[in-house]
Amino acid sequence: MFYFDPLYLLFSLPALLLAMFAQWRVQAAINKYSRVLTSRQATGASVARAILDSYGLHHVAVERTGGFLGDHYDPLSRTLRLSQSVYDTPSVAAVGIAAHEAGHALQHADGYWPLQARSAIVPVVQFGSYLGPIIFLLGWFLQMTAVAWIGVALFAGVALFSLITLPVEFNASQRAKELIASHGYAWGEELTGVSQVLDAAALTYVAGLAQALSTLLYYVFLLTGARRRR
């Protein structure tokens, strides 16, 4: 907003606090389990490669990428990119993250529909996340309600994307836990560590949905409240 609105704080504060807690939790889990090495001593890259190969996904490349937590699977190029700390390290955190990203590649190969749906709306989300709030604010301040609702509709795509992301990420984490256990890349307390890292990461996506919904509800409340006052 162009000015501080206490009402916006009322809507956004719970989601903001959840986001802060989620970020703290994932950083704490990764910091802790990045220092715990697995008994197998398999790096994140080797774990990802072995999982992909076991499902016949030899064409999916595993590459090193820069940045902290820059790990991701690119469905367009069919490439799994792992940050250096994950790619080269045989830690509990690295194994969990690498297996999670490999889980996305398996989703892609299986035609997992939430992943397909999320990929399909990416252009809309990129457009709506930037222009949606701008169009809403223009409509709101110029008292052009129809224009403001267009902004709301565009931003709703962001909330929809966050909602679809939940089953995608939860499913990838569940696959990762099962694959790590079945392939013997971690045992006992190591598996507990993998679960803590992946569960903490999953909470960040819940927080992202909460933030998107709180902003969307704030926009809707402003418009519907304005209508009632007329």
Protein backbone atom coordinates (compact mmCIF):
# COMPACT_ATOMS: atom_id res chain seq x y z
CA MET A 1 0.00 0.00 0.00
CA PHE A 2 1.07 3.64 -0.51
CA TYR A 3 0.23 4.43 3.10
CA PHE A 4 0.11 2.48 6.33
CA ASP A 5 -3.31 1.02 6.94
CA PRO A 6 -3.82 -0.57 10.39
CA LEU A 7 -6.52 -2.73 8.84
CA TYR A 8 -3.96 -4.28 6.50
CA LEU A 9 -1.82 -5.12 9.53
CA LEU A 10 -4.81 -6.87 11.08
CA PHE A 11 -5.18 -9.07 8.01
CA SER A 12 -1.48 -9.67 7.33
CA LEU A 13 0.09 -9.99 10.78
CA PRO A 14 -0.86 -13.65 11.46
CA ALA A 15 0.48 -14.71 8.05
CA LEU A 16 3.61 -12.62 8.54
CA LEU A 17 4.31 -14.20 11.90
CA LEU A 18 3.79 -17.65 10.41
CA ALA A 19 6.19 -16.80 7.58
CA MET A 20 8.83 -15.62 10.06
CA PHE A 21 8.43 -18.78 12.13
CA ALA A 22 8.59 -20.99 9.03
CA GLN A 23 11.75 -19.26 7.81
CA TRP A 24 13.38 -19.62 11.21
CA ARG A 25 12.42 -23.27 11.41
CA VAL A 26 13.73 -24.22 7.97
CA GLN A 27 17.00 -22.39 8.52
CA ALA A 28 17.45 -24.02 11.91
CA ALA A 29 16.74 -27.49 10.51
CA ILE A 30 19.08 -27.05 7.55
CA ASN A 31 21.86 -25.57 9.71
CA LYS A 32 21.56 -28.48 12.13
CA TYR A 33 21.37 -31.33 9.64
CA SER A 34 23.87 -29.88 7.19
CA ARG A 35 26.45 -30.76 9.85
CA VAL A 36 25.18 -34.33 10.29
CA LEU A 37 26.64 -36.71 7.71
CA THR A 38 24.82 -39.85 6.62
CA SER A 39 26.27 -43.29 7.15
CA ARG A 40 26.21 -43.96 3.40
CA GLN A 41 28.30 -40.86 2.74
CA ALA A 42 26.38 -40.27 -0.49
CA THR A 43 26.26 -36.67 -1.71
CA GLY A 44 23.04 -34.97 -2.71
CA ALA A 45 24.04 -35.20 -6.37
CA SER A 46 24.70 -38.94 -6.20
CA VAL A 47 21.43 -39.57 -4.38
CA ALA A 48 19.44 -37.57 -6.94
CA ARG A 49 21.20 -39.31 -9.82
CA ALA A 50 20.60 -42.77 -8.36
CA ILE A 51 16.89 -42.08 -7.76
CA LEU A 52 16.39 -40.73 -11.26
CA ASP A 53 18.24 -43.63 -12.85
CA SER A 54 16.27 -46.18 -10.84
CA TYR A 55 13.11 -44.84 -12.51
CA GLY A 56 14.64 -44.75 -15.97
CA LEU A 57 14.99 -40.96 -16.01
CA HIS A 58 18.52 -41.04 -17.41
CA HIS A 59 17.74 -38.04 -19.61
CA VAL A 60 17.13 -35.77 -16.59
CA ALA A 61 20.36 -33.90 -15.90
CA VAL A 62 21.63 -33.12 -12.39
CA GLU A 63 23.54 -29.85 -12.29
CA ARG A 64 25.20 -27.65 -9.71
CA THR A 65 23.73 -24.17 -9.29
CA GLY A 66 24.61 -21.14 -7.20
CA GLY A 67 22.86 -19.55 -4.28
CA PHE A 68 21.53 -20.76 -0.95
CA LEU A 69 18.44 -22.96 -1.27
CA GLY A 70 18.40 -22.49 -5.01
CA ASP A 71 17.57 -26.16 -5.46
CA HIS A 72 14.81 -26.83 -7.98
CA TYR A 73 13.61 -29.04 -10.80
CA ASP A 74 13.12 -27.35 -14.18
CA PRO A 75 10.39 -29.21 -16.09
CA LEU A 76 11.08 -27.29 -19.31
CA SER A 77 14.70 -28.39 -19.66
CA ARG A 78 14.17 -31.52 -17.55
CA THR A 79 17.06 -30.53 -15.34
CA LEU A 80 17.48 -30.95 -11.60
CA ARG A 81 19.61 -28.13 -10.19
CA LEU A 82 21.18 -28.40 -6.76
CA SER A 83 23.00 -25.73 -4.78
CA GLN A 84 26.66 -26.42 -4.07
CA SER A 85 26.06 -27.29 -0.42
CA VAL A 86 23.53 -29.94 -1.49
CA TYR A 87 25.28 -31.16 -4.64
CA ASP A 88 28.65 -31.88 -3.00
CA THR A 89 27.70 -32.74 0.58
CA PRO A 90 26.79 -36.15 2.07
CA SER A 91 24.70 -34.58 4.84
CA VAL A 92 21.24 -35.48 6.06
CA ALA A 93 19.92 -32.11 4.85
CA ALA A 94 21.54 -32.50 1.42
CA VAL A 95 20.13 -35.99 0.92
CA GLY A 96 16.63 -34.86 1.90
CA ILE A 97 16.64 -31.80 -0.35
CA ALA A 98 18.10 -33.70 -3.31
CA ALA A 99 15.55 -36.49 -2.98
CA HIS A 100 12.75 -33.91 -2.72
CA GLU A 101 13.79 -32.31 -6.01
CA ALA A 102 14.11 -35.74 -7.60
CA GLY A 103 10.55 -36.30 -6.41
CA HIS A 104 9.45 -33.41 -8.63
CA ALA A 105 11.10 -35.07 -11.61
CA LEU A 106 9.18 -38.26 -10.82
CA GLN A 107 5.96 -36.23 -10.60
CA HIS A 108 6.69 -34.83 -14.04
CA ALA A 109 7.34 -38.29 -15.46
CA ASP A 110 4.15 -39.63 -13.87
CA GLY A 111 2.02 -36.77 -15.21
CA TYR A 112 1.12 -35.71 -11.67
CA TRP A 113 -1.76 -33.31 -12.38
CA PRO A 114 -1.15 -30.73 -9.62
CA LEU A 115 2.36 -30.21 -11.00
CA GLN A 116 0.95 -29.85 -14.50
CA ALA A 117 -1.66 -27.38 -13.28
CA ARG A 118 0.91 -25.33 -11.41
CA SER A 119 3.20 -25.17 -14.44
CA ALA A 120 0.27 -24.15 -16.66
CA ILE A 121 -0.65 -21.09 -14.58
CA VAL A 122 2.91 -19.80 -14.05
CA PRO A 123 2.56 -17.09 -16.78
CA VAL A 124 -0.71 -15.90 -15.26
CA VAL A 125 0.83 -15.79 -11.79
CA GLN A 126 3.87 -13.83 -12.97
CA PHE A 127 1.53 -11.32 -14.59
CA GLY A 128 -0.96 -11.17 -11.73
CA SER A 129 1.57 -10.92 -8.89
CA TYR A 130 3.02 -7.75 -10.40
CA LEU A 131 0.05 -6.04 -12.06
CA GLY A 132 -2.74 -7.28 -9.80
CA PRO A 133 -1.90 -5.02 -6.80
CA ILE A 134 -1.16 -2.06 -9.11
CA ILE A 135 -4.48 -2.37 -10.93
CA PHE A 136 -6.32 -2.82 -7.64
CA LEU A 137 -4.75 0.29 -6.14
CA LEU A 138 -5.50 2.37 -9.22
CA GLY A 139 -9.12 1.26 -9.18
CA TRP A 140 -9.42 1.78 -5.44
CA PHE A 141 -7.98 5.29 -5.31
CA LEU A 142 -9.76 6.39 -8.49
CA GLN A 143 -13.01 4.86 -7.14
CA MET A 144 -13.30 2.63 -10.21
CA THR A 145 -14.64 -0.50 -8.55
CA ALA A 146 -14.73 -2.59 -11.73
CA VAL A 147 -11.04 -1.91 -12.33
CA ALA A 148 -10.19 -2.77 -8.72
CA TRP A 149 -11.99 -6.10 -9.07
CA ILE A 150 -9.86 -6.89 -12.12
CA GLY A 151 -6.83 -6.39 -9.92
CA VAL A 152 -8.33 -8.71 -7.32
CA ALA A 153 -9.00 -11.37 -9.95
CA LEU A 154 -5.42 -11.16 -11.22
CA PHE A 155 -4.00 -11.44 -7.71
CA ALA A 156 -6.31 -14.38 -7.01
CA GLY A 157 -4.11 -16.31 -9.42
CA VAL A 158 -1.26 -15.93 -6.94
CA ALA A 159 -3.37 -17.45 -4.18
CA LEU A 160 -4.45 -20.26 -6.49
CA PHE A 161 -0.82 -20.95 -7.37
CA SER A 162 0.10 -21.11 -3.67
CA LEU A 163 -2.81 -23.48 -3.04
CA ILE A 164 -1.83 -25.84 -5.86
CA THR A 165 1.77 -25.72 -4.68
CA LEU A 166 0.88 -27.43 -1.39
CA PRO A 167 0.03 -30.90 -2.77
CA VAL A 168 2.96 -30.63 -5.19
CA GLU A 169 5.47 -29.97 -2.43
CA PHE A 170 3.91 -32.32 0.13
CA ASN A 171 3.84 -35.15 -2.40
CA ALA A 172 7.46 -34.55 -3.41
CA SER A 173 8.51 -34.64 0.25
CA GLN A 174 6.57 -37.84 0.88
CA ARG A 175 8.19 -39.44 -2.16
CA ALA A 176 11.59 -38.29 -0.93
CA LYS A 177 11.15 -39.83 2.51
CA GLU A 178 10.00 -43.15 1.03
CA LEU A 179 12.78 -43.21 -1.57
CA ILE A 180 15.50 -42.41 0.95
CA ALA A 181 14.28 -45.17 3.25
CA SER A 182 13.76 -47.77 0.50
CA HIS A 183 17.15 -47.08 -1.10
CA GLY A 184 18.92 -47.08 2.25
CA TYR A 185 20.40 -43.59 1.99
CA ALA A 186 19.53 -42.86 5.63
CA TRP A 187 18.58 -44.85 8.72
CA GLY A 188 17.09 -44.22 12.16
CA GLU A 189 17.89 -40.75 13.44
CA GLU A 190 19.06 -39.77 9.97
CA LEU A 191 15.55 -40.35 8.63
CA THR A 192 14.19 -38.28 11.48
CA GLY A 193 16.49 -35.47 10.39
CA VAL A 194 15.34 -35.77 6.79
CA SER A 195 11.72 -35.48 7.93
CA GLN A 196 12.47 -32.41 10.03
CA VAL A 197 14.18 -30.65 7.13
CA LEU A 198 11.42 -31.45 4.64
CA ASP A 199 8.58 -30.72 7.07
CA ALA A 200 10.14 -27.36 7.90
CA ALA A 201 10.45 -26.54 4.20
CA ALA A 202 6.81 -27.53 3.66
CA LEU A 203 5.72 -25.04 6.31
CA THR A 204 7.16 -22.20 4.22
CA TYR A 205 4.68 -23.05 1.45
CA VAL A 206 1.82 -23.01 3.95
CA ALA A 207 3.01 -19.59 5.06
CA GLY A 208 3.14 -18.44 1.44
CA LEU A 209 -0.48 -19.47 0.95
CA ALA A 210 -1.48 -17.70 4.16
CA GLN A 211 0.20 -14.49 3.00
CA ALA A 212 -1.45 -14.61 -0.42
CA LEU A 213 -4.89 -15.30 1.08
CA SER A 214 -4.56 -12.56 3.70
CA THR A 215 -3.75 -9.98 1.03
CA LEU A 216 -6.56 -11.22 -1.20
CA LEU A 217 -9.06 -11.07 1.66
CA TYR A 218 -7.90 -7.56 2.50
CA TYR A 219 -8.58 -6.41 -1.07
CA VAL A 220 -12.01 -8.04 -1.08
CA PHE A 221 -12.87 -6.57 2.33
CA LEU A 222 -11.98 -3.08 1.15
CA LEU A 223 -14.16 -3.38 -1.93
CA THR A 224 -17.15 -4.99 -0.25
CA GLY A 225 -16.86 -2.62 2.71
CA ALA A 226 -16.82 0.36 0.39
CA ARG A 227 -19.95 -0.93 -1.33
CA ARG A 228 -21.78 -1.25 1.99
CA ARG A 229 -20.91 2.34 2.92
CA ARG A 230 -22.49 3.70 -0.26
